[in-house]
PDB file of N, CA and C in Angstrom:
ATOM      1  N   MET A   1       0.841  -1.173  -0.002  1.00  0.00           N
ATOM      2  CA  MET A   1       0.006   0.006  -0.015  1.00  0.00           C
ATOM      3  C   MET A   1       0.886   1.251   0.005  1.00  0.00           C
ATOM      4  N   VAL A   2       0.612   2.165  -0.884  1.00  0.00           N
ATOM      5  CA  VAL A   2       1.388   3.381  -1.010  1.00  0.00           C
ATOM      6  C   VAL A   2       0.695   4.487  -0.213  1.00  0.00           C
ATOM      7  N   THR A   3       1.496   5.149   0.636  1.00  0.00           N
ATOM      8  CA  THR A   3       0.942   6.243   1.423  1.00  0.00           C
ATOM      9  C   THR A   3       0.948   7.550   0.606  1.00  0.00           C
ATOM     10  N   THR A   4       0.248   8.521   1.135  1.00  0.00           N
ATOM     11  CA  THR A   4       0.213   9.803   0.444  1.00  0.00           C
ATOM     12  C   THR A   4       1.570  10.494   0.415  1.00  0.00           C
ATOM     13  N   ALA A   5       2.339  10.337   1.471  1.00  0.00           N
ATOM     14  CA  ALA A   5       3.670  10.957   1.507  1.00  0.00           C
ATOM     15  C   ALA A   5       4.577  10.320   0.455  1.00  0.00           C
ATOM     16  N   GLU A   6       4.486   9.004   0.293  1.00  0.00           N
ATOM     17  CA  GLU A   6       5.308   8.355  -0.733  1.00  0.00           C
ATOM     18  C   GLU A   6       4.887   8.755  -2.128  1.00  0.00           C
ATOM     19  N   ALA A   7       3.566   8.882  -2.346  1.00  0.00           N
ATOM     20  CA  ALA A   7       3.082   9.318  -3.662  1.00  0.00           C
ATOM     21  C   ALA A   7       3.494  10.757  -3.963  1.00  0.00           C
ATOM     22  N   ALA A   8       3.437  11.616  -2.954  1.00  0.00           N
ATOM     23  CA  ALA A   8       3.868  13.011  -3.122  1.00  0.00           C
ATOM     24  C   ALA A   8       5.351  13.087  -3.399  1.00  0.00           C
ATOM     25  N   THR A   9       6.120  12.236  -2.741  1.00  0.00           N
ATOM     26  CA  THR A   9       7.570  12.176  -2.945  1.00  0.00           C
ATOM     27  C   THR A   9       7.890  11.779  -4.382  1.00  0.00           C
ATOM     28  N   VAL A  10       7.213  10.732  -4.852  1.00  0.00           N
ATOM     29  CA  VAL A  10       7.455  10.264  -6.226  1.00  0.00           C
ATOM     30  C   VAL A  10       7.044  11.333  -7.250  1.00  0.00           C
ATOM     31  N   ILE A  11       5.921  11.979  -7.001  1.00  0.00           N
ATOM     32  CA  ILE A  11       5.447  12.997  -7.959  1.00  0.00           C
ATOM     33  C   ILE A  11       6.412  14.193  -7.982  1.00  0.00           C
ATOM     34  N   LEU A  12       6.804  14.678  -6.794  1.00  0.00           N
ATOM     35  CA  LEU A  12       7.738  15.819  -6.749  1.00  0.00           C
ATOM     36  C   LEU A  12       9.088  15.467  -7.345  1.00  0.00           C
ATOM     37  N   ALA A  13       9.592  14.278  -7.073  1.00  0.00           N
ATOM     38  CA  ALA A  13      10.887  13.876  -7.614  1.00  0.00           C
ATOM     39  C   ALA A  13      10.801  13.713  -9.143  1.00  0.00           C
ATOM     40  N   THR A  14       9.688  13.201  -9.647  1.00  0.00           N
ATOM     41  CA  THR A  14       9.504  13.033 -11.089  1.00  0.00           C
ATOM     42  C   THR A  14       9.423  14.393 -11.778  1.00  0.00           C
ATOM     43  N   ILE A  15       8.668  15.314 -11.192  1.00  0.00           N
ATOM     44  CA  ILE A  15       8.561  16.664 -11.766  1.00  0.00           C
ATOM     45  C   ILE A  15       9.925  17.358 -11.780  1.00  0.00           C
ATOM     46  N   GLY A  16      10.647  17.259 -10.666  1.00  0.00           N
ATOM     47  CA  GLY A  16      11.978  17.865 -10.590  1.00  0.00           C
ATOM     48  C   GLY A  16      12.946  17.288 -11.585  1.00  0.00           C
ATOM     49  N   THR A  17      12.910  15.957 -11.769  1.00  0.00           N
ATOM     50  CA  THR A  17      13.774  15.316 -12.721  1.00  0.00           C
ATOM     51  C   THR A  17      13.425  15.712 -14.147  1.00  0.00           C
ATOM     52  N   LEU A  18      12.148  15.765 -14.464  1.00  0.00           N
ATOM     53  CA  LEU A  18      11.730  16.169 -15.824  1.00  0.00           C
ATOM     54  C   LEU A  18      12.123  17.623 -16.127  1.00  0.00           C
ATOM     55  N   ILE A  19      11.976  18.482 -15.139  1.00  0.00           N
ATOM     56  CA  ILE A  19      12.365  19.886 -15.355  1.00  0.00           C
ATOM     57  C   ILE A  19      13.874  19.973 -15.593  1.00  0.00           C
ATOM     58  N   MET A  20      14.650  19.233 -14.846  1.00  0.00           N
ATOM     59  CA  MET A  20      16.107  19.238 -15.048  1.00  0.00           C
ATOM     60  C   MET A  20      16.463  18.646 -16.401  1.00  0.00           C
ATOM     61  N   LEU A  21      15.744  17.630 -16.842  1.00  0.00           N
ATOM     62  CA  LEU A  21      15.992  17.037 -18.157  1.00  0.00           C
ATOM     63  C   LEU A  21      15.704  18.027 -19.287  1.00  0.00           C
ATOM     64  N   ILE A  22      14.602  18.722 -19.172  1.00  0.00           N
ATOM     65  CA  ILE A  22      14.256  19.741 -20.147  1.00  0.00           C
ATOM     66  C   ILE A  22      15.285  20.869 -20.152  1.00  0.00           C
ATOM     67  N   SER A  23      15.738  21.217 -18.959  1.00  0.00           N
ATOM     68  CA  SER A  23      16.772  22.266 -18.848  1.00  0.00           C
ATOM     69  C   SER A  23      18.074  21.829 -19.507  1.00  0.00           C
ATOM     70  N   SER A  24      18.468  20.585 -19.318  1.00  0.00           N
ATOM     71  CA  SER A  24      19.689  20.109 -19.958  1.00  0.00           C
ATOM     72  C   SER A  24      19.559  20.078 -21.490  1.00  0.00           C
ATOM     73  N   TYR A  25      18.363  19.807 -22.011  1.00  0.00           N
ATOM     74  CA  TYR A  25      18.147  19.872 -23.445  1.00  0.00           C
ATOM     75  C   TYR A  25      18.311  21.302 -23.940  1.00  0.00           C
ATOM     76  N   GLY A  26      17.815  22.278 -23.166  1.00  0.00           N
ATOM     77  CA  GLY A  26      17.975  23.672 -23.542  1.00  0.00           C
ATOM     78  C   GLY A  26      19.421  24.115 -23.520  1.00  0.00           C
ATOM     79  N   VAL A  27      20.196  23.586 -22.555  1.00  0.00           N
ATOM     80  CA  VAL A  27      21.615  23.924 -22.492  1.00  0.00           C
ATOM     81  C   VAL A  27      22.348  23.383 -23.714  1.00  0.00           C
ATOM     82  N   LEU A  28      21.972  22.208 -24.185  1.00  0.00           N
ATOM     83  CA  LEU A  28      22.591  21.642 -25.372  1.00  0.00           C
ATOM     84  C   LEU A  28      22.114  22.305 -26.655  1.00  0.00           C
ATOM     85  N   ARG A  29      20.889  22.757 -26.677  1.00  0.00           N
ATOM     86  CA  ARG A  29      20.273  23.267 -27.910  1.00  0.00           C
ATOM     87  C   ARG A  29      20.621  24.730 -28.189  1.00  0.00           C
ATOM     88  N   PHE A  30      20.646  25.580 -27.179  1.00  0.00           N
ATOM     89  CA  PHE A  30      20.826  27.009 -27.409  1.00  0.00           C
ATOM     90  C   PHE A  30      22.258  27.319 -27.839  1.00  0.00           C
ATOM     91  N   PRO A  31      22.430  28.291 -28.752  1.00  0.00           N
ATOM     92  CA  PRO A  31      23.751  28.553 -29.306  1.00  0.00           C
ATOM     93  C   PRO A  31      24.614  29.504 -28.464  1.00  0.00           C
ATOM     94  N   ASP A  32      24.026  30.321 -27.639  1.00  0.00           N
ATOM     95  CA  ASP A  32      24.731  31.390 -26.942  1.00  0.00           C
ATOM     96  C   ASP A  32      24.868  31.057 -25.458  1.00  0.00           C
ATOM     97  N   VAL A  33      25.944  31.505 -24.840  1.00  0.00           N
ATOM     98  CA  VAL A  33      26.179  31.242 -23.432  1.00  0.00           C
ATOM     99  C   VAL A  33      25.095  31.900 -22.561  1.00  0.00           C
ATOM    100  N   PHE A  34      24.574  33.024 -22.970  1.00  0.00           N
ATOM    101  CA  PHE A  34      23.553  33.713 -22.184  1.00  0.00           C
ATOM    102  C   PHE A  34      22.227  32.990 -22.271  1.00  0.00           C
ATOM    103  N   MET A  35      21.898  32.467 -23.433  1.00  0.00           N
ATOM    104  CA  MET A  35      20.655  31.673 -23.570  1.00  0.00           C
ATOM    105  C   MET A  35      20.767  30.390 -22.792  1.00  0.00           C
ATOM    106  N   ARG A  36      21.935  29.801 -22.819  1.00  0.00           N
ATOM    107  CA  ARG A  36      22.159  28.534 -22.052  1.00  0.00           C
ATOM    108  C   ARG A  36      22.019  28.823 -20.568  1.00  0.00           C
ATOM    109  N   MET A  37      22.560  29.905 -20.094  1.00  0.00           N
ATOM    110  CA  MET A  37      22.448  30.241 -18.691  1.00  0.00           C
ATOM    111  C   MET A  37      21.010  30.522 -18.296  1.00  0.00           C
ATOM    112  N   HIS A  38      20.244  31.131 -19.195  1.00  0.00           N
ATOM    113  CA  HIS A  38      18.841  31.391 -18.941  1.00  0.00           C
ATOM    114  C   HIS A  38      18.083  30.075 -18.778  1.00  0.00           C
ATOM    115  N   ALA A  39      18.328  29.132 -19.677  1.00  0.00           N
ATOM    116  CA  ALA A  39      17.656  27.853 -19.604  1.00  0.00           C
ATOM    117  C   ALA A  39      18.024  27.121 -18.322  1.00  0.00           C
ATOM    118  N   PHE A  40      19.284  27.113 -18.007  1.00  0.00           N
ATOM    119  CA  PHE A  40      19.728  26.389 -16.809  1.00  0.00           C
ATOM    120  C   PHE A  40      19.308  27.093 -15.538  1.00  0.00           C
ATOM    121  N   GLY A  41      19.407  28.406 -15.500  1.00  0.00           N
ATOM    122  CA  GLY A  41      19.084  29.137 -14.261  1.00  0.00           C
ATOM    123  C   GLY A  41      17.621  29.039 -13.879  1.00  0.00           C
ATOM    124  N   LYS A  42      16.728  29.203 -14.839  1.00  0.00           N
ATOM    125  CA  LYS A  42      15.307  29.175 -14.526  1.00  0.00           C
ATOM    126  C   LYS A  42      14.829  27.758 -14.208  1.00  0.00           C
ATOM    127  N   ALA A  43      15.161  26.831 -15.039  1.00  0.00           N
ATOM    128  CA  ALA A  43      14.653  25.481 -14.854  1.00  0.00           C
ATOM    129  C   ALA A  43      15.314  24.749 -13.706  1.00  0.00           C
ATOM    130  N   SER A  44      16.577  25.003 -13.497  1.00  0.00           N
ATOM    131  CA  SER A  44      17.243  24.304 -12.382  1.00  0.00           C
ATOM    132  C   SER A  44      16.721  24.754 -11.044  1.00  0.00           C
ATOM    133  N   THR A  45      16.337  26.010 -10.929  1.00  0.00           N
ATOM    134  CA  THR A  45      15.754  26.480  -9.676  1.00  0.00           C
ATOM    135  C   THR A  45      14.488  25.705  -9.346  1.00  0.00           C
ATOM    136  N   MET A  46      13.636  25.509 -10.318  1.00  0.00           N
ATOM    137  CA  MET A  46      12.397  24.767 -10.062  1.00  0.00           C
ATOM    138  C   MET A  46      12.674  23.269  -9.890  1.00  0.00           C
ATOM    139  N   GLY A  47      13.591  22.726 -10.670  1.00  0.00           N
ATOM    140  CA  GLY A  47      13.898  21.307 -10.580  1.00  0.00           C
ATOM    141  C   GLY A  47      14.507  20.907  -9.245  1.00  0.00           C
ATOM    142  N   ILE A  48      15.500  21.664  -8.838  1.00  0.00           N
ATOM    143  CA  ILE A  48      16.178  21.374  -7.565  1.00  0.00           C
ATOM    144  C   ILE A  48      15.205  21.621  -6.405  1.00  0.00           C
ATOM    145  N   SER A  49      14.358  22.622  -6.523  1.00  0.00           N
ATOM    146  CA  SER A  49      13.374  22.873  -5.477  1.00  0.00           C
ATOM    147  C   SER A  49      12.421  21.704  -5.323  1.00  0.00           C
ATOM    148  N   CYS A  50      11.970  21.149  -6.436  1.00  0.00           N
ATOM    149  CA  CYS A  50      11.071  19.981  -6.339  1.00  0.00           C
ATOM    150  C   CYS A  50      11.804  18.782  -5.746  1.00  0.00           C
ATOM    151  N   LEU A  51      13.049  18.578  -6.103  1.00  0.00           N
ATOM    152  CA  LEU A  51      13.792  17.442  -5.537  1.00  0.00           C
ATOM    153  C   LEU A  51      14.044  17.630  -4.043  1.00  0.00           C
ATOM    154  N   ILE A  52      14.372  18.837  -3.606  1.00  0.00           N
ATOM    155  CA  ILE A  52      14.570  19.098  -2.196  1.00  0.00           C
ATOM    156  C   ILE A  52      13.258  18.929  -1.409  1.00  0.00           C
ATOM    157  N   LEU A  53      12.139  19.408  -1.990  1.00  0.00           N
ATOM    158  CA  LEU A  53      10.862  19.229  -1.310  1.00  0.00           C
ATOM    159  C   LEU A  53      10.451  17.776  -1.267  1.00  0.00           C
ATOM    160  N   ALA A  54      10.826  16.994  -2.294  1.00  0.00           N
ATOM    161  CA  ALA A  54      10.535  15.561  -2.272  1.00  0.00           C
ATOM    162  C   ALA A  54      11.286  14.884  -1.135  1.00  0.00           C
ATOM    163  N   ALA A  55      12.521  15.280  -0.927  1.00  0.00           N
ATOM    164  CA  ALA A  55      13.282  14.724   0.196  1.00  0.00           C
ATOM    165  C   ALA A  55      12.686  15.162   1.531  1.00  0.00           C
ATOM    166  N   GLY A  56      12.157  16.388   1.601  1.00  0.00           N
ATOM    167  CA  GLY A  56      11.532  16.846   2.838  1.00  0.00           C
ATOM    168  C   GLY A  56      10.229  16.126   3.123  1.00  0.00           C
ATOM    169  N   VAL A  57       9.470  15.772   2.101  1.00  0.00           N
ATOM    170  CA  VAL A  57       8.251  15.037   2.311  1.00  0.00           C
ATOM    171  C   VAL A  57       8.574  13.593   2.718  1.00  0.00           C
ATOM    172  N   TYR A  58       9.606  13.019   2.145  1.00  0.00           N
ATOM    173  CA  TYR A  58       9.981  11.644   2.480  1.00  0.00           C
ATOM    174  C   TYR A  58      10.536  11.527   3.895  1.00  0.00           C
ATOM    175  N   TYR A  59      11.293  12.548   4.309  1.00  0.00           N
ATOM    176  CA  TYR A  59      11.792  12.613   5.674  1.00  0.00           C
ATOM    177  C   TYR A  59      11.126  13.773   6.388  1.00  0.00           C
ATOM    178  N   PRO A  60       9.964  13.570   6.983  1.00  0.00           N
ATOM    179  CA  PRO A  60       9.188  14.685   7.541  1.00  0.00           C
ATOM    180  C   PRO A  60       9.887  15.453   8.685  1.00  0.00           C
ATOM    181  N   GLU A  61      10.815  14.790   9.362  1.00  0.00           N
ATOM    182  CA  GLU A  61      11.526  15.511  10.444  1.00  0.00           C
ATOM    183  C   GLU A  61      12.468  16.589   9.894  1.00  0.00           C
ATOM    184  N   TYR A  62      12.798  16.505   8.600  1.00  0.00           N
ATOM    185  CA  TYR A  62      13.674  17.493   7.977  1.00  0.00           C
ATOM    186  C   TYR A  62      12.913  18.445   7.043  1.00  0.00           C
ATOM    187  N   LEU A  63      11.596  18.432   7.063  1.00  0.00           N
ATOM    188  CA  LEU A  63      10.806  19.229   6.157  1.00  0.00           C
ATOM    189  C   LEU A  63      11.044  20.727   6.307  1.00  0.00           C
ATOM    190  N   VAL A  64      11.136  21.196   7.545  1.00  0.00           N
ATOM    191  CA  VAL A  64      11.367  22.651   7.765  1.00  0.00           C
ATOM    192  C   VAL A  64      12.740  23.036   7.228  1.00  0.00           C
ATOM    193  N   ARG A  65      13.743  22.197   7.445  1.00  0.00           N
ATOM    194  CA  ARG A  65      15.076  22.496   6.897  1.00  0.00           C
ATOM    195  C   ARG A  65      15.073  22.527   5.375  1.00  0.00           C
ATOM    196  N   MET A  66      14.318  21.626   4.793  1.00  0.00           N
ATOM    197  CA  MET A  66      14.278  21.571   3.318  1.00  0.00           C
ATOM    198  C   MET A  66      13.555  22.814   2.760  1.00  0.00           C
ATOM    199  N   ILE A  67      12.545  23.272   3.448  1.00  0.00           N
ATOM    200  CA  ILE A  67      11.837  24.490   2.988  1.00  0.00           C
ATOM    201  C   ILE A  67      12.790  25.688   3.101  1.00  0.00           C
ATOM    202  N   VAL A  68      13.557  25.763   4.179  1.00  0.00           N
ATOM    203  CA  VAL A  68      14.553  26.821   4.313  1.00  0.00           C
ATOM    204  C   VAL A  68      15.599  26.725   3.196  1.00  0.00           C
ATOM    205  N   LEU A  69      16.029  25.495   2.867  1.00  0.00           N
ATOM    206  CA  LEU A  69      16.967  25.352   1.749  1.00  0.00           C
ATOM    207  C   LEU A  69      16.405  25.813   0.431  1.00  0.00           C
ATOM    208  N   VAL A  70      15.113  25.527   0.191  1.00  0.00           N
ATOM    209  CA  VAL A  70      14.489  25.992  -1.048  1.00  0.00           C
ATOM    210  C   VAL A  70      14.447  27.507  -1.087  1.00  0.00           C
ATOM    211  N   LEU A  71      14.114  28.124   0.028  1.00  0.00           N
ATOM    212  CA  LEU A  71      14.080  29.592   0.082  1.00  0.00           C
ATOM    213  C   LEU A  71      15.479  30.173  -0.147  1.00  0.00           C
ATOM    214  N   LEU A  72      16.490  29.584   0.462  1.00  0.00           N
ATOM    215  CA  LEU A  72      17.865  30.075   0.249  1.00  0.00           C
ATOM    216  C   LEU A  72      18.285  29.855  -1.225  1.00  0.00           C
ATOM    217  N   PHE A  73      17.861  28.775  -1.800  1.00  0.00           N
ATOM    218  CA  PHE A  73      18.198  28.544  -3.204  1.00  0.00           C
ATOM    219  C   PHE A  73      17.510  29.532  -4.108  1.00  0.00           C
ATOM    220  N   PHE A  74      16.262  29.896  -3.803  1.00  0.00           N
ATOM    221  CA  PHE A  74      15.554  30.915  -4.605  1.00  0.00           C
ATOM    222  C   PHE A  74      16.208  32.299  -4.446  1.00  0.00           C
ATOM    223  N   ILE A  75      16.847  32.549  -3.317  1.00  0.00           N
ATOM    224  CA  ILE A  75      17.530  33.822  -3.119  1.00  0.00           C
ATOM    225  C   ILE A  75      18.898  33.849  -3.799  1.00  0.00           C
ATOM    226  N   THR A  76      19.681  32.779  -3.614  1.00  0.00           N
ATOM    227  CA  THR A  76      21.059  32.798  -4.097  1.00  0.00           C
ATOM    228  C   THR A  76      21.202  32.348  -5.545  1.00  0.00           C
ATOM    229  N   GLY A  77      20.269  31.576  -6.061  1.00  0.00           N
ATOM    230  CA  GLY A  77      20.368  31.084  -7.445  1.00  0.00           C
ATOM    231  C   GLY A  77      20.428  32.210  -8.496  1.00  0.00           C
ATOM    232  N   PRO A  78      19.479  33.146  -8.494  1.00  0.00           N
ATOM    233  CA  PRO A  78      19.531  34.242  -9.459  1.00  0.00           C
ATOM    234  C   PRO A  78      20.761  35.161  -9.279  1.00  0.00           C
ATOM    235  N   ILE A  79      21.222  35.332  -8.061  1.00  0.00           N
ATOM    236  CA  ILE A  79      22.419  36.155  -7.835  1.00  0.00           C
ATOM    237  C   ILE A  79      23.640  35.502  -8.443  1.00  0.00           C
ATOM    238  N   ALA A  80      23.771  34.189  -8.270  1.00  0.00           N
ATOM    239  CA  ALA A  80      24.890  33.457  -8.849  1.00  0.00           C
ATOM    240  C   ALA A  80      24.817  33.457 -10.353  1.00  0.00           C
ATOM    241  N   THR A  81      23.639  33.285 -10.923  1.00  0.00           N
ATOM    242  CA  THR A  81      23.478  33.329 -12.368  1.00  0.00           C
ATOM    243  C   THR A  81      23.830  34.670 -12.947  1.00  0.00           C
ATOM    244  N   THR A  82      23.455  35.734 -12.266  1.00  0.00           N
ATOM    245  CA  THR A  82      23.775  37.087 -12.725  1.00  0.00           C
ATOM    246  C   THR A  82      25.286  37.321 -12.667  1.00  0.00           C
ATOM    247  N   ALA A  83      25.912  36.852 -11.615  1.00  0.00           N
ATOM    248  CA  ALA A  83      27.380  37.028 -11.506  1.00  0.00           C
ATOM    249  C   ALA A  83      28.119  36.240 -12.599  1.00  0.00           C
ATOM    250  N   ILE A  84      27.667  35.050 -12.897  1.00  0.00           N
ATOM    251  CA  ILE A  84      28.307  34.271 -13.961  1.00  0.00           C
ATOM    252  C   ILE A  84      28.052  34.916 -15.315  1.00  0.00           C
ATOM    253  N   ALA A  85      26.854  35.466 -15.545  1.00  0.00           N
ATOM    254  CA  ALA A  85      26.566  36.129 -16.802  1.00  0.00           C
ATOM    255  C   ALA A  85      27.434  37.387 -16.979  1.00  0.00           C
ATOM    256  N   ARG A  86      27.637  38.129 -15.904  1.00  0.00           N
ATOM    257  CA  ARG A  86      28.525  39.296 -15.987  1.00  0.00           C
ATOM    258  C   ARG A  86      29.942  38.896 -16.346  1.00  0.00           C
ATOM    259  N   ALA A  87      30.410  37.828 -15.718  1.00  0.00           N
ATOM    260  CA  ALA A  87      31.772  37.347 -16.001  1.00  0.00           C
ATOM    261  C   ALA A  87      31.862  36.860 -17.458  1.00  0.00           C
ATOM    262  N   ALA A  88      30.836  36.197 -17.939  1.00  0.00           N
ATOM    263  CA  ALA A  88      30.851  35.714 -19.319  1.00  0.00           C
ATOM    264  C   ALA A  88      30.824  36.893 -20.295  1.00  0.00           C
ATOM    265  N   LEU A  89      30.067  37.931 -19.973  1.00  0.00           N
ATOM    266  CA  LEU A  89      30.011  39.086 -20.857  1.00  0.00           C
ATOM    267  C   LEU A  89      31.363  39.822 -20.891  1.00  0.00           C
ATOM    268  N   ARG A  90      31.996  39.970 -19.739  1.00  0.00           N
ATOM    269  CA  ARG A  90      33.261  40.688 -19.710  1.00  0.00           C
ATOM    270  C   ARG A  90      34.382  39.862 -20.330  1.00  0.00           C
ATOM    271  N   ALA A  91      34.308  38.534 -20.280  1.00  0.00           N
ATOM    272  CA  ALA A  91      35.350  37.675 -20.825  1.00  0.00           C
ATOM    273  C   ALA A  91      35.182  37.479 -22.326  1.00  0.00           C
ATOM    274  N   SER A  92      34.015  37.764 -22.856  1.00  0.00           N
ATOM    275  CA  SER A  92      33.773  37.511 -24.277  1.00  0.00           C
ATOM    276  C   SER A  92      34.301  38.671 -25.119  1.00  0.00           C
ATOM    277  N   SER A  93      34.550  38.359 -26.380  1.00  0.00           N
ATOM    278  CA  SER A  93      34.965  39.410 -27.309  1.00  0.00           C
ATOM    279  C   SER A  93      33.743  40.079 -27.889  1.00  0.00           C
ATOM    280  N   SER A  94      33.904  41.147 -28.639  1.00  0.00           N
ATOM    281  CA  SER A  94      32.756  41.866 -29.209  1.00  0.00           C
ATOM    282  C   SER A  94      32.084  41.030 -30.281  1.00  0.00           C
ATOM    283  N   VAL A  95      32.774  40.103 -30.875  1.00  0.00           N
ATOM    284  CA  VAL A  95      32.153  39.242 -31.902  1.00  0.00           C
ATOM    285  C   VAL A  95      31.207  38.243 -31.256  1.00  0.00           C
ATOM    286  N   ASP A  96      31.460  37.842 -30.014  1.00  0.00           N
ATOM    287  CA  ASP A  96      30.648  36.814 -29.362  1.00  0.00           C
ATOM    288  C   ASP A  96      29.245  37.275 -29.047  1.00  0.00           C
ATOM    289  N   HIS A  97      29.024  38.559 -28.817  1.00  0.00           N
ATOM    290  CA  HIS A  97      27.676  38.999 -28.420  1.00  0.00           C
ATOM    291  C   HIS A  97      27.142  40.042 -29.404  1.00  0.00           C
ATOM    292  N   LEU A  98      27.167  39.677 -30.673  1.00  0.00           N
ATOM    293  CA  LEU A  98      26.585  40.558 -31.703  1.00  0.00           C
ATOM    294  C   LEU A  98      25.059  40.529 -31.654  1.00  0.00           C
ATOM    295  N   ASP A  99      24.473  39.496 -31.085  1.00  0.00           N
ATOM    296  CA  ASP A  99      23.013  39.371 -31.073  1.00  0.00           C
ATOM    297  C   ASP A  99      22.375  40.225 -29.995  1.00  0.00           C
ATOM    298  N   LEU A 100      23.130  40.808 -29.094  1.00  0.00           N
ATOM    299  CA  LEU A 100      22.565  41.662 -28.080  1.00  0.00           C
ATOM    300  C   LEU A 100      22.045  42.950 -28.701  1.00  0.00           C
ATOM    301  N   THR A 101      20.779  43.245 -28.463  1.00  0.00           N
ATOM    302  CA  THR A 101      20.242  44.482 -29.015  1.00  0.00           C
ATOM    303  C   THR A 101      20.509  45.658 -28.104  1.00  0.00           C
ATOM    304  N   ILE A 102      20.442  45.426 -26.799  1.00  0.00           N
ATOM    305  CA  ILE A 102      20.735  46.478 -25.838  1.00  0.00           C
ATOM    306  C   ILE A 102      21.702  45.912 -24.822  1.00  0.00           C
ATOM    307  N   ASN A 103      22.852  46.554 -24.681  1.00  0.00           N
ATOM    308  CA  ASN A 103      23.830  46.119 -23.687  1.00  0.00           C
ATOM    309  C   ASN A 103      23.933  47.199 -22.634  1.00  0.00           C
ATOM    310  N   GLU A 104      23.343  46.988 -21.479  1.00  0.00           N
ATOM    311  CA  GLU A 104      23.312  47.993 -20.425  1.00  0.00           C
ATOM    312  C   GLU A 104      24.476  47.870 -19.454  1.00  0.00           C
ATOM    313  N   MET A 105      25.332  46.886 -19.654  1.00  0.00           N
ATOM    314  CA  MET A 105      26.453  46.700 -18.739  1.00  0.00           C
ATOM    315  C   MET A 105      27.687  47.389 -19.294  1.00  0.00           C
ATOM    316  N   PRO A 106      28.266  48.322 -18.554  1.00  0.00           N
ATOM    317  CA  PRO A 106      29.463  48.972 -19.032  1.00  0.00           C
ATOM    318  C   PRO A 106      30.635  48.008 -19.021  1.00  0.00           C
ATOM    319  N   MET A 107      31.461  48.044 -20.035  1.00  0.00           N
ATOM    320  CA  MET A 107      32.563  47.105 -20.161  1.00  0.00           C
ATOM    321  C   MET A 107      33.781  47.556 -19.349  1.00  0.00           C
ATOM    322  N   ASP A 108      33.864  48.848 -18.961  1.00  0.00           N
ATOM    323  CA  ASP A 108      35.015  49.337 -18.258  1.00  0.00           C
ATOM    324  C   ASP A 108      34.891  49.242 -16.738  1.00  0.00           C
ATOM    325  N   GLY A 109      33.776  48.730 -16.240  1.00  0.00           N
ATOM    326  CA  GLY A 109      33.590  48.570 -14.773  1.00  0.00           C
ATOM    327  C   GLY A 109      33.080  49.806 -14.106  1.00  0.00           C
ATOM    328  N   SER A 110      32.848  50.903 -14.820  1.00  0.00           N
ATOM    329  CA  SER A 110      32.335  52.108 -14.187  1.00  0.00           C
ATOM    330  C   SER A 110      30.821  51.989 -13.982  1.00  0.00           C
ATOM    331  N   SER A 111      30.304  52.862 -13.145  1.00  0.00           N
ATOM    332  CA  SER A 111      28.867  52.826 -12.899  1.00  0.00           C
ATOM    333  C   SER A 111      28.113  53.461 -14.060  1.00  0.00           C
ATOM    334  N   ARG A 112      26.819  53.190 -14.117  1.00  0.00           N
ATOM    335  CA  ARG A 112      26.002  53.714 -15.198  1.00  0.00           C
ATOM    336  C   ARG A 112      25.340  55.017 -14.797  1.00  0.00           C
ATOM    337  N   SER A 113      26.059  55.909 -14.251  1.00  0.00           N
ATOM    338  CA  SER A 113      25.447  57.130 -13.741  1.00  0.00           C
ATOM    339  C   SER A 113      25.360  58.222 -14.807  1.00  0.00           C
ATOM    340  N   LYS A 114      25.744  57.927 -16.032  1.00  0.00           N
ATOM    341  CA  LYS A 114      25.630  58.926 -17.102  1.00  0.00           C
ATOM    342  C   LYS A 114      24.170  59.192 -17.379  1.00  0.00           C
ATOM    343  N   LYS A 115      23.866  60.429 -17.682  1.00  0.00           N
ATOM    344  CA  LYS A 115      22.492  60.804 -17.996  1.00  0.00           C
ATOM    345  C   LYS A 115      22.162  60.298 -19.388  1.00  0.00           C
ATOM    346  N   ARG A 116      20.988  59.719 -19.481  1.00  0.00           N
ATOM    347  CA  ARG A 116      20.514  59.212 -20.754  1.00  0.00           C
ATOM    348  C   ARG A 116      19.777  60.302 -21.525  1.00  0.00           C
ATOM    349  N   LYS A 117      19.878  60.201 -22.812  1.00  0.00           N
ATOM    350  CA  LYS A 117      19.202  61.158 -23.663  1.00  0.00           C
ATOM    351  C   LYS A 117      17.705  60.884 -23.658  1.00  0.00           C
ATOM    352  N   LYS A 118      16.899  61.897 -23.443  1.00  0.00           N
ATOM    353  CA  LYS A 118      15.461  61.717 -23.416  1.00  0.00           C
ATOM    354  C   LYS A 118      14.960  61.653 -24.840  1.00  0.00           C
ATOM    355  N   ILE A 119      14.087  60.701 -25.058  1.00  0.00           N
ATOM    356  CA  ILE A 119      13.476  60.554 -26.371  1.00  0.00           C
ATOM    357  C   ILE A 119      12.073  61.152 -26.294  1.00  0.00           C
ATOM    358  N   GLY A 120      11.730  61.930 -27.291  1.00  0.00           N
ATOM    359  CA  GLY A 120      10.390  62.538 -27.276  1.00  0.00           C
ATOM    360  C   GLY A 120      10.486  63.976 -26.811  1.00  0.00           C
ATOM    361  N   ARG A 121       9.670  64.314 -25.817  1.00  0.00           N
ATOM    362  CA  ARG A 121       9.602  65.706 -25.334  1.00  0.00           C
ATOM    363  C   ARG A 121      10.805  66.134 -24.591  1.00  0.00           C
TER     364      ARG A 121
END
């Protein structure tokens, strides 16, 4: 007989694994490092969260810790992805990111405090 906790564990683990599988396909398919990071960053956050929650449901005494881990992962995951994207942009040559339509990151490390030209009135 399968309990509800075991069924929830299997469902969460399956969803997390499928999300990670789709994310890995996106990493292999996309041509640019920034598109690959987007696929991995978004999908891995959800996939790893489902896997951690599945472990928390399977071991109920650790459920609160697992929820805290998911919250920490939601906070630190996007920050790490942004830091890696900045490093990739600064390490790349100008030929590597010709597809960028708007590049708001200064390449010299200075702040963006320059006044922008107003369009219109």
